[in-house]
Amino acid sequence: MNAIPILFEDGEALIIDKPAGLPIERPRAGGACLEDRAHELRLGFQRSPVPVHRLDTDTSGCLLLARNPKALKRFSAAFEARAVEKVYLGVVAGVLADAEGTIELALSKISSAEHGWRMIPARKGKPSLTHWRKLDERGGLTLVEFRPETGRTHQIRVHAASGLGAALFGDPVYGAARNGMRTMLHARMLSIAREGKPPVAATSPLPADFAALGFALPDSVA
């Protein structure tokens, strides 16, 4: 089992490069999750670090962990206050006419016995805002940079499908599942300012499965 890469470390926080396919919480059906790897992430501390936010199981990249209760409270408040800079990369199934834009679609949760739960655009839903720009096109697919201002469940997935009109490649809920392919979403960068201290910040490299589709990051992407 490969070690989980550490992108940032200090006395308050870790940012790990979460592998695609690793759930943060234990699935209802059982199986491995991040908690099983917590001992690897103590790095000399008595407490295991705790996730401050969530990434979907398929989503790879920057995940912030707090190393003590005070840090957890402070970082959680920063997420609530939208004081966290987040950048995601996604591969969408389709070619986009525009080079960049902003998607503002309120989201609401629905569920049914047949299909389970999902998020949908809804006039009375929770306000949700995502900025995006096109980075590259290959074979009918587009590499897109997403900068969400809000942090709703499945926000980028729904905004891609309903706002761009092009679902994330491999998304089995809002697009079309692909054999052996995950939902192609990657948490590229995360940054939180701290008073009197350097920010907690990290950048995750482009995943191998993005590169396997022929994509590379342009020089304009930090």
Foldseek 3Di string as FASTA:
>chain_A
DDDWAWFDDDPWKTKTFAAAQAAQDADPVGDHHVVVVQVVQCVPPPDGWAWLDGDHNRATGTTMTTNDPVSSVVVNVCLVVLQKWWKKKFKWQADFPDFWDKDWFAKDWDADPVQGIDIAGDPPHHIWMKIKGWFDDDDGMTIMMIITSHDDVCRVQRCCCPVRVTGTPQDVPSHNHDVPDHRGMYGAKMWHPDPPDHIGIGGDADDPVVVVRVDDGDPVPD
